[in-house]
Amino acid sequence: MTAKTLTRMDLSEAVFREVGLSRNESATLVEDVLQHMSDALVSGETVKISSFGTFSVRDKAARVGRNPKTGEEVPIHPRRVLTFRPSHLMKDRVAAGNKG
């Protein structure tokens, strides 16, 4: 099975077909939505999309890791990571898609 990737262009094309905006307006709308979501995440807000899932930013503390090849201890610096937690509806939908 070949995996297909959904791109910004695919999203704007879907908006063009479903909503009836021009291609330029559709592309701008998709870009604006993605930019708004990105800005919210950068500022530390949680982005929750009903029936889809929740994007959030977590602060991970510094810790000591280990190089698996040499066994040498290596410090891992504190960082911010983006997480996504799918909604129960999305989990169910994906699981149902795997069966068919």
C-alpha atoms as a PDB file:
ATOM      1  CA  MET A   1       0.000   0.000   0.000  1.00  0.00           C
ATOM      2  CA  THR A   2       1.436   3.348  -1.048  1.00  0.00           C
ATOM      3  CA  ALA A   3       0.961   6.099   1.525  1.00  0.00           C
ATOM      4  CA  LYS A   4      -0.374   9.389   0.174  1.00  0.00           C
ATOM      5  CA  THR A   5       0.528  12.647   1.855  1.00  0.00           C
ATOM      6  CA  LEU A   6      -2.057  15.404   2.242  1.00  0.00           C
ATOM      7  CA  THR A   7      -0.436  18.752   1.403  1.00  0.00           C
ATOM      8  CA  ARG A   8      -1.380  22.420   1.701  1.00  0.00           C
ATOM      9  CA  MET A   9      -2.166  22.383  -2.003  1.00  0.00           C
ATOM     10  CA  ASP A  10      -4.557  19.441  -1.486  1.00  0.00           C
ATOM     11  CA  LEU A  11      -6.312  21.323   1.319  1.00  0.00           C
ATOM     12  CA  SER A  12      -6.682  24.512  -0.719  1.00  0.00           C
ATOM     13  CA  GLU A  13      -7.939  22.492  -3.698  1.00  0.00           C
ATOM     14  CA  ALA A  14     -10.566  20.868  -1.436  1.00  0.00           C
ATOM     15  CA  VAL A  15     -11.655  24.309  -0.182  1.00  0.00           C
ATOM     16  CA  PHE A  16     -11.838  25.484  -3.817  1.00  0.00           C
ATOM     17  CA  ARG A  17     -14.084  22.527  -4.794  1.00  0.00           C
ATOM     18  CA  GLU A  18     -16.265  22.368  -1.673  1.00  0.00           C
ATOM     19  CA  VAL A  19     -16.685  26.038  -0.725  1.00  0.00           C
ATOM     20  CA  GLY A  20     -16.511  27.701  -4.095  1.00  0.00           C
ATOM     21  CA  LEU A  21     -13.829  30.297  -3.350  1.00  0.00           C
ATOM     22  CA  SER A  22     -11.298  31.059  -6.060  1.00  0.00           C
ATOM     23  CA  ARG A  23      -8.059  29.061  -6.015  1.00  0.00           C
ATOM     24  CA  ASN A  24      -6.133  32.094  -4.707  1.00  0.00           C
ATOM     25  CA  GLU A  25      -8.706  32.776  -1.980  1.00  0.00           C
ATOM     26  CA  SER A  26      -8.692  29.084  -1.013  1.00  0.00           C
ATOM     27  CA  ALA A  27      -4.900  29.007  -0.748  1.00  0.00           C
ATOM     28  CA  THR A  28      -4.935  32.201   1.323  1.00  0.00           C
ATOM     29  CA  LEU A  29      -7.609  30.813   3.639  1.00  0.00           C
ATOM     30  CA  VAL A  30      -5.631  27.601   4.263  1.00  0.00           C
ATOM     31  CA  GLU A  31      -2.422  29.592   4.868  1.00  0.00           C
ATOM     32  CA  ASP A  32      -4.216  31.939   7.279  1.00  0.00           C
ATOM     33  CA  VAL A  33      -5.689  29.058   9.294  1.00  0.00           C
ATOM     34  CA  LEU A  34      -2.335  27.277   9.529  1.00  0.00           C
ATOM     35  CA  GLN A  35      -0.575  30.527  10.470  1.00  0.00           C
ATOM     36  CA  HIS A  36      -3.148  31.235  13.182  1.00  0.00           C
ATOM     37  CA  MET A  37      -2.672  27.736  14.605  1.00  0.00           C
ATOM     38  CA  SER A  38       1.126  28.088  14.493  1.00  0.00           C
ATOM     39  CA  ASP A  39       1.046  31.493  16.203  1.00  0.00           C
ATOM     40  CA  ALA A  40      -1.166  30.119  18.982  1.00  0.00           C
ATOM     41  CA  LEU A  41       1.180  27.174  19.581  1.00  0.00           C
ATOM     42  CA  VAL A  42       4.282  29.396  19.585  1.00  0.00           C
ATOM     43  CA  SER A  43       2.675  31.600  22.246  1.00  0.00           C
ATOM     44  CA  GLY A  44       1.968  28.500  24.376  1.00  0.00           C
ATOM     45  CA  GLU A  45      -1.748  28.134  23.695  1.00  0.00           C
ATOM     46  CA  THR A  46      -3.443  24.790  23.095  1.00  0.00           C
ATOM     47  CA  VAL A  47      -5.185  24.312  19.743  1.00  0.00           C
ATOM     48  CA  LYS A  48      -8.267  22.107  20.057  1.00  0.00           C
ATOM     49  CA  ILE A  49     -10.199  21.110  16.956  1.00  0.00           C
ATOM     50  CA  SER A  50     -13.474  19.384  17.833  1.00  0.00           C
ATOM     51  CA  SER A  51     -13.782  15.781  16.554  1.00  0.00           C
ATOM     52  CA  PHE A  52     -10.166  15.902  15.352  1.00  0.00           C
ATOM     53  CA  GLY A  53      -7.731  16.384  18.210  1.00  0.00           C
ATOM     54  CA  THR A  54      -5.642  18.696  20.357  1.00  0.00           C
ATOM     55  CA  PHE A  55      -2.244  20.212  19.587  1.00  0.00           C
ATOM     56  CA  SER A  56      -0.221  21.420  22.552  1.00  0.00           C
ATOM     57  CA  VAL A  57       3.321  22.418  23.470  1.00  0.00           C
ATOM     58  CA  ARG A  58       5.120  20.655  26.317  1.00  0.00           C
ATOM     59  CA  ASP A  59       8.242  21.834  28.085  1.00  0.00           C
ATOM     60  CA  LYS A  60      10.618  18.936  28.601  1.00  0.00           C
ATOM     61  CA  ALA A  61      13.172  19.176  31.381  1.00  0.00           C
ATOM     62  CA  ALA A  62      16.899  18.615  30.998  1.00  0.00           C
ATOM     63  CA  ARG A  63      18.014  15.059  31.625  1.00  0.00           C
ATOM     64  CA  VAL A  64      20.955  12.762  31.160  1.00  0.00           C
ATOM     65  CA  GLY A  65      20.782  10.436  28.178  1.00  0.00           C
ATOM     66  CA  ARG A  66      23.069   7.657  27.105  1.00  0.00           C
ATOM     67  CA  ASN A  67      24.730   6.995  23.760  1.00  0.00           C
ATOM     68  CA  PRO A  68      23.517   3.452  22.970  1.00  0.00           C
ATOM     69  CA  LYS A  69      26.658   2.636  20.978  1.00  0.00           C
ATOM     70  CA  THR A  70      29.288   3.727  23.510  1.00  0.00           C
ATOM     71  CA  GLY A  71      27.299   3.870  26.744  1.00  0.00           C
ATOM     72  CA  GLU A  72      28.614   7.403  27.317  1.00  0.00           C
ATOM     73  CA  GLU A  73      26.332   9.751  29.272  1.00  0.00           C
ATOM     74  CA  VAL A  74      25.223  12.785  27.279  1.00  0.00           C
ATOM     75  CA  PRO A  75      23.282  15.783  28.623  1.00  0.00           C
ATOM     76  CA  ILE A  76      19.949  16.400  26.881  1.00  0.00           C
ATOM     77  CA  HIS A  77      19.025  20.072  27.067  1.00  0.00           C
ATOM     78  CA  PRO A  78      15.558  21.343  28.049  1.00  0.00           C
ATOM     79  CA  ARG A  79      13.299  21.923  25.065  1.00  0.00           C
ATOM     80  CA  ARG A  80       9.756  22.556  23.906  1.00  0.00           C
ATOM     81  CA  VAL A  81       8.014  19.853  21.901  1.00  0.00           C
ATOM     82  CA  LEU A  82       4.776  19.829  19.929  1.00  0.00           C
ATOM     83  CA  THR A  83       2.333  17.056  20.800  1.00  0.00           C
ATOM     84  CA  PHE A  84      -0.897  15.919  19.180  1.00  0.00           C
ATOM     85  CA  ARG A  85      -3.598  13.962  20.952  1.00  0.00           C
ATOM     86  CA  PRO A  86      -6.325  12.669  18.619  1.00  0.00           C
ATOM     87  CA  SER A  87      -9.953  12.793  19.727  1.00  0.00           C
ATOM     88  CA  HIS A  88     -11.833   9.575  20.438  1.00  0.00           C
ATOM     89  CA  LEU A  89     -13.864  10.123  17.259  1.00  0.00           C
ATOM     90  CA  MET A  90     -10.665  10.409  15.197  1.00  0.00           C
ATOM     91  CA  LYS A  91      -9.190   7.300  16.846  1.00  0.00           C
ATOM     92  CA  ASP A  92     -12.358   5.342  16.092  1.00  0.00           C
ATOM     93  CA  ARG A  93     -12.460   6.584  12.512  1.00  0.00           C
ATOM     94  CA  VAL A  94      -8.835   5.623  11.849  1.00  0.00           C
ATOM     95  CA  ALA A  95      -9.333   2.223  13.483  1.00  0.00           C
ATOM     96  CA  ALA A  96     -12.418   1.585  11.335  1.00  0.00           C
ATOM     97  CA  GLY A  97     -10.432   2.551   8.235  1.00  0.00           C
ATOM     98  CA  ASN A  98      -7.781  -0.039   9.072  1.00  0.00           C
ATOM     99  CA  LYS A  99     -10.378  -2.824   9.015  1.00  0.00           C
ATOM    100  CA  GLY A 100     -11.616  -2.109   5.518  1.00  0.00           C
END
